[in-house]
Amino acid sequence: MRQAVDREFAAAKEIAHLVRSFRAVLAAHVLKYRAVDGIGAVAAFTADVERDQARCCNKFRGIREPSLASFSKCAEQQINALATRAIAQAKESGEVEIT
């Protein structure tokens, strides 16, 4: 019983860490590409964000615990929303900027 609780706690910590680390990576991409002038900046930003989004989704698949399914789903939705919003803003404005 104790091992199951420890495993669930470790999985919950990993899920929360994934959301925080994705936010940090997203901020780093914004800082990197906001200084880039050129036609391909938004496309490169989009590719980098989508790559990191896919990486996080793959990690979610690896740590799914049945008891944490709703927590995991919520965290995955947060990451998807962050990525979608950042990409949409960059495409709409034609440049990568801090929001």
N, C-alpha and C. Protein backbone atom coordinates (compact mmCIF):
# COMPACT_ATOMS: atom_id res chain seq x y z
N MET A 1 0.82 -1.19 0.00
CA MET A 1 0.00 0.00 0.00
C MET A 1 0.86 1.25 0.00
N ARG A 2 1.89 1.25 0.83
CA ARG A 2 2.78 2.41 0.93
C ARG A 2 3.50 2.66 -0.40
N GLN A 3 3.90 1.60 -1.08
CA GLN A 3 4.59 1.76 -2.36
C GLN A 3 3.67 2.37 -3.40
N ALA A 4 2.41 2.01 -3.38
CA ALA A 4 1.45 2.57 -4.34
C ALA A 4 1.27 4.06 -4.10
N VAL A 5 1.20 4.46 -2.84
CA VAL A 5 1.06 5.88 -2.51
C VAL A 5 2.31 6.64 -2.92
N ASP A 6 3.47 6.07 -2.65
CA ASP A 6 4.72 6.71 -3.05
C ASP A 6 4.82 6.85 -4.56
N ARG A 7 4.39 5.82 -5.29
CA ARG A 7 4.42 5.85 -6.74
C ARG A 7 3.48 6.93 -7.28
N GLU A 8 2.29 7.03 -6.68
CA GLU A 8 1.33 8.05 -7.09
C GLU A 8 1.86 9.45 -6.80
N PHE A 9 2.48 9.62 -5.64
CA PHE A 9 3.04 10.93 -5.28
C PHE A 9 4.15 11.31 -6.24
N ALA A 10 5.02 10.37 -6.57
CA ALA A 10 6.10 10.64 -7.51
C ALA A 10 5.54 10.99 -8.90
N ALA A 11 4.50 10.30 -9.31
CA ALA A 11 3.89 10.59 -10.61
C ALA A 11 3.23 11.97 -10.60
N ALA A 12 2.58 12.32 -9.49
CA ALA A 12 1.96 13.64 -9.39
C ALA A 12 3.01 14.75 -9.44
N LYS A 13 4.14 14.53 -8.77
CA LYS A 13 5.23 15.51 -8.82
C LYS A 13 5.77 15.65 -10.24
N GLU A 14 5.90 14.54 -10.94
CA GLU A 14 6.41 14.57 -12.31
C GLU A 14 5.45 15.31 -13.24
N ILE A 15 4.16 15.10 -13.06
CA ILE A 15 3.15 15.78 -13.88
C ILE A 15 3.22 17.28 -13.65
N ALA A 16 3.28 17.70 -12.40
CA ALA A 16 3.38 19.13 -12.09
C ALA A 16 4.68 19.72 -12.64
N HIS A 17 5.75 18.95 -12.55
CA HIS A 17 7.03 19.42 -13.08
C HIS A 17 6.98 19.59 -14.60
N LEU A 18 6.27 18.72 -15.28
CA LEU A 18 6.17 18.84 -16.74
C LEU A 18 5.50 20.16 -17.15
N VAL A 19 4.48 20.56 -16.44
CA VAL A 19 3.80 21.82 -16.76
C VAL A 19 4.74 22.99 -16.51
N ARG A 20 5.42 22.99 -15.37
CA ARG A 20 6.36 24.08 -15.06
C ARG A 20 7.50 24.13 -16.06
N SER A 21 8.03 22.98 -16.41
CA SER A 21 9.16 22.97 -17.34
C SER A 21 8.73 23.38 -18.74
N PHE A 22 7.50 23.04 -19.14
CA PHE A 22 7.03 23.47 -20.46
C PHE A 22 6.89 24.99 -20.49
N ARG A 23 6.39 25.58 -19.41
CA ARG A 23 6.29 27.04 -19.35
C ARG A 23 7.67 27.68 -19.47
N ALA A 24 8.64 27.11 -18.80
CA ALA A 24 10.01 27.64 -18.86
C ALA A 24 10.59 27.51 -20.27
N VAL A 25 10.36 26.38 -20.90
CA VAL A 25 10.86 26.18 -22.27
C VAL A 25 10.16 27.12 -23.23
N LEU A 26 8.87 27.32 -23.05
CA LEU A 26 8.11 28.25 -23.90
C LEU A 26 8.65 29.67 -23.75
N ALA A 27 8.93 30.08 -22.52
CA ALA A 27 9.50 31.41 -22.29
C ALA A 27 10.87 31.54 -22.95
N ALA A 28 11.66 30.49 -22.89
CA ALA A 28 12.98 30.51 -23.54
C ALA A 28 12.84 30.64 -25.05
N HIS A 29 11.89 29.95 -25.64
CA HIS A 29 11.66 30.07 -27.08
C HIS A 29 11.23 31.48 -27.45
N VAL A 30 10.35 32.07 -26.64
CA VAL A 30 9.90 33.44 -26.90
C VAL A 30 11.09 34.39 -26.84
N LEU A 31 11.91 34.26 -25.82
CA LEU A 31 13.08 35.13 -25.70
C LEU A 31 14.04 34.95 -26.86
N LYS A 32 14.19 33.73 -27.30
CA LYS A 32 15.09 33.44 -28.42
C LYS A 32 14.57 34.05 -29.71
N TYR A 33 13.30 33.83 -30.01
CA TYR A 33 12.77 34.22 -31.32
C TYR A 33 12.25 35.65 -31.39
N ARG A 34 12.07 36.31 -30.26
CA ARG A 34 11.61 37.69 -30.34
C ARG A 34 12.72 38.60 -30.86
N ALA A 35 13.95 38.18 -30.72
CA ALA A 35 15.08 38.96 -31.20
C ALA A 35 15.41 38.66 -32.66
N VAL A 36 14.75 37.69 -33.24
CA VAL A 36 15.03 37.28 -34.62
C VAL A 36 14.12 38.04 -35.58
N ASP A 37 14.73 38.74 -36.50
CA ASP A 37 13.96 39.38 -37.56
C ASP A 37 14.09 38.52 -38.81
N GLY A 38 13.00 38.27 -39.44
CA GLY A 38 13.06 37.48 -40.66
C GLY A 38 11.78 36.72 -40.89
N ILE A 39 11.67 36.23 -42.07
CA ILE A 39 10.46 35.54 -42.48
C ILE A 39 10.27 34.23 -41.73
N GLY A 40 11.31 33.52 -41.45
CA GLY A 40 11.19 32.20 -40.87
C GLY A 40 11.12 32.15 -39.36
N ALA A 41 11.12 33.30 -38.68
CA ALA A 41 11.15 33.29 -37.22
C ALA A 41 9.89 32.65 -36.63
N VAL A 42 8.73 33.02 -37.13
CA VAL A 42 7.48 32.48 -36.60
C VAL A 42 7.38 30.98 -36.91
N ALA A 43 7.78 30.59 -38.10
CA ALA A 43 7.73 29.17 -38.46
C ALA A 43 8.69 28.35 -37.60
N ALA A 44 9.88 28.86 -37.35
CA ALA A 44 10.84 28.15 -36.51
C ALA A 44 10.35 28.09 -35.07
N PHE A 45 9.77 29.18 -34.58
CA PHE A 45 9.19 29.21 -33.23
C PHE A 45 8.08 28.16 -33.12
N THR A 46 7.21 28.13 -34.10
CA THR A 46 6.11 27.16 -34.12
C THR A 46 6.64 25.73 -34.10
N ALA A 47 7.64 25.44 -34.90
CA ALA A 47 8.21 24.10 -34.95
C ALA A 47 8.82 23.71 -33.61
N ASP A 48 9.54 24.64 -32.98
CA ASP A 48 10.16 24.34 -31.68
C ASP A 48 9.11 24.10 -30.60
N VAL A 49 8.08 24.94 -30.57
CA VAL A 49 7.03 24.78 -29.56
C VAL A 49 6.28 23.47 -29.78
N GLU A 50 5.95 23.15 -31.01
CA GLU A 50 5.24 21.90 -31.29
C GLU A 50 6.09 20.69 -30.95
N ARG A 51 7.41 20.78 -31.18
CA ARG A 51 8.30 19.66 -30.83
C ARG A 51 8.31 19.44 -29.32
N ASP A 52 8.40 20.53 -28.55
CA ASP A 52 8.41 20.39 -27.10
C ASP A 52 7.04 19.97 -26.55
N GLN A 53 5.99 20.41 -27.19
CA GLN A 53 4.64 19.98 -26.81
C GLN A 53 4.51 18.46 -27.01
N ALA A 54 4.98 17.96 -28.13
CA ALA A 54 4.92 16.52 -28.40
C ALA A 54 5.77 15.74 -27.41
N ARG A 55 6.92 16.29 -27.05
CA ARG A 55 7.80 15.64 -26.07
C ARG A 55 7.08 15.50 -24.73
N CYS A 56 6.40 16.55 -24.31
CA CYS A 56 5.66 16.50 -23.04
C CYS A 56 4.52 15.49 -23.12
N CYS A 57 3.80 15.47 -24.22
CA CYS A 57 2.69 14.52 -24.38
C CYS A 57 3.19 13.08 -24.32
N ASN A 58 4.37 12.82 -24.89
CA ASN A 58 4.95 11.48 -24.81
C ASN A 58 5.29 11.12 -23.37
N LYS A 59 5.76 12.09 -22.60
CA LYS A 59 6.07 11.82 -21.20
C LYS A 59 4.80 11.53 -20.41
N PHE A 60 3.71 12.23 -20.74
CA PHE A 60 2.43 11.95 -20.07
C PHE A 60 2.00 10.51 -20.30
N ARG A 61 2.19 10.02 -21.50
CA ARG A 61 1.80 8.65 -21.79
C ARG A 61 2.59 7.65 -20.95
N GLY A 62 3.83 8.02 -20.64
CA GLY A 62 4.68 7.12 -19.88
C GLY A 62 4.41 7.10 -18.38
N ILE A 63 3.76 8.13 -17.85
CA ILE A 63 3.58 8.20 -16.40
C ILE A 63 2.12 8.15 -15.98
N ARG A 64 1.25 7.74 -16.83
CA ARG A 64 -0.17 7.69 -16.49
C ARG A 64 -0.41 6.71 -15.35
N GLU A 65 -1.00 7.22 -14.30
CA GLU A 65 -1.45 6.41 -13.18
C GLU A 65 -2.97 6.46 -13.21
N PRO A 66 -3.65 5.34 -13.06
CA PRO A 66 -5.11 5.35 -13.11
C PRO A 66 -5.74 6.32 -12.10
N SER A 67 -5.16 6.43 -10.93
CA SER A 67 -5.74 7.30 -9.91
C SER A 67 -5.48 8.78 -10.18
N LEU A 68 -4.54 9.09 -11.07
CA LEU A 68 -4.20 10.47 -11.39
C LEU A 68 -4.64 10.87 -12.79
N ALA A 69 -5.56 10.13 -13.36
CA ALA A 69 -5.95 10.36 -14.75
C ALA A 69 -6.51 11.76 -14.96
N SER A 70 -7.36 12.24 -14.07
CA SER A 70 -7.94 13.57 -14.27
C SER A 70 -6.89 14.66 -14.07
N PHE A 71 -5.99 14.47 -13.12
CA PHE A 71 -4.91 15.43 -12.89
C PHE A 71 -3.98 15.48 -14.10
N SER A 72 -3.66 14.33 -14.63
CA SER A 72 -2.80 14.24 -15.80
C SER A 72 -3.46 14.87 -17.03
N LYS A 73 -4.73 14.60 -17.21
CA LYS A 73 -5.49 15.16 -18.34
C LYS A 73 -5.53 16.69 -18.25
N CYS A 74 -5.75 17.21 -17.06
CA CYS A 74 -5.79 18.65 -16.85
C CYS A 74 -4.43 19.28 -17.15
N ALA A 75 -3.36 18.66 -16.70
CA ALA A 75 -2.02 19.18 -16.97
C ALA A 75 -1.71 19.15 -18.45
N GLU A 76 -2.10 18.08 -19.13
CA GLU A 76 -1.87 17.99 -20.57
C GLU A 76 -2.67 19.06 -21.31
N GLN A 77 -3.88 19.33 -20.86
CA GLN A 77 -4.69 20.39 -21.47
C GLN A 77 -4.06 21.76 -21.25
N GLN A 78 -3.45 21.99 -20.10
CA GLN A 78 -2.76 23.25 -19.84
C GLN A 78 -1.60 23.45 -20.81
N ILE A 79 -0.83 22.41 -21.02
CA ILE A 79 0.30 22.49 -21.94
C ILE A 79 -0.20 22.74 -23.36
N ASN A 80 -1.23 22.03 -23.77
CA ASN A 80 -1.78 22.24 -25.11
C ASN A 80 -2.31 23.66 -25.28
N ALA A 81 -2.97 24.19 -24.26
CA ALA A 81 -3.50 25.55 -24.33
C ALA A 81 -2.38 26.58 -24.40
N LEU A 82 -1.34 26.39 -23.61
CA LEU A 82 -0.19 27.32 -23.66
C LEU A 82 0.45 27.33 -25.04
N ALA A 83 0.66 26.14 -25.59
CA ALA A 83 1.30 26.04 -26.90
C ALA A 83 0.41 26.63 -27.99
N THR A 84 -0.86 26.30 -27.96
CA THR A 84 -1.78 26.80 -28.97
C THR A 84 -1.88 28.31 -28.93
N ARG A 85 -1.98 28.87 -27.73
CA ARG A 85 -2.09 30.32 -27.60
C ARG A 85 -0.82 31.03 -28.08
N ALA A 86 0.34 30.52 -27.71
CA ALA A 86 1.61 31.14 -28.12
C ALA A 86 1.78 31.10 -29.63
N ILE A 87 1.45 29.97 -30.24
CA ILE A 87 1.58 29.83 -31.69
C ILE A 87 0.59 30.73 -32.40
N ALA A 88 -0.64 30.77 -31.92
CA ALA A 88 -1.66 31.60 -32.55
C ALA A 88 -1.29 33.08 -32.48
N GLN A 89 -0.77 33.53 -31.35
CA GLN A 89 -0.36 34.92 -31.22
C GLN A 89 0.78 35.26 -32.16
N ALA A 90 1.73 34.36 -32.27
CA ALA A 90 2.87 34.60 -33.15
C ALA A 90 2.42 34.65 -34.61
N LYS A 91 1.56 33.75 -35.00
CA LYS A 91 1.08 33.74 -36.39
C LYS A 91 0.22 34.96 -36.69
N GLU A 92 -0.58 35.38 -35.73
CA GLU A 92 -1.46 36.53 -35.94
C GLU A 92 -0.68 37.83 -36.07
N SER A 93 0.31 38.01 -35.20
CA SER A 93 1.07 39.26 -35.21
C SER A 93 2.22 39.24 -36.19
N GLY A 94 2.64 38.05 -36.62
CA GLY A 94 3.76 37.94 -37.55
C GLY A 94 5.11 38.04 -36.87
N GLU A 95 5.10 38.09 -35.55
CA GLU A 95 6.36 38.12 -34.81
C GLU A 95 6.15 37.43 -33.46
N VAL A 96 7.25 37.02 -32.87
CA VAL A 96 7.19 36.37 -31.58
C VAL A 96 7.42 37.44 -30.53
N GLU A 97 6.49 37.54 -29.58
CA GLU A 97 6.57 38.59 -28.57
C GLU A 97 6.14 38.04 -27.22
N ILE A 98 6.53 38.72 -26.19
CA ILE A 98 6.15 38.34 -24.83
C ILE A 98 4.75 38.85 -24.55
N THR A 99 3.93 37.97 -23.98
CA THR A 99 2.56 38.38 -23.63
C THR A 99 2.32 38.21 -22.16
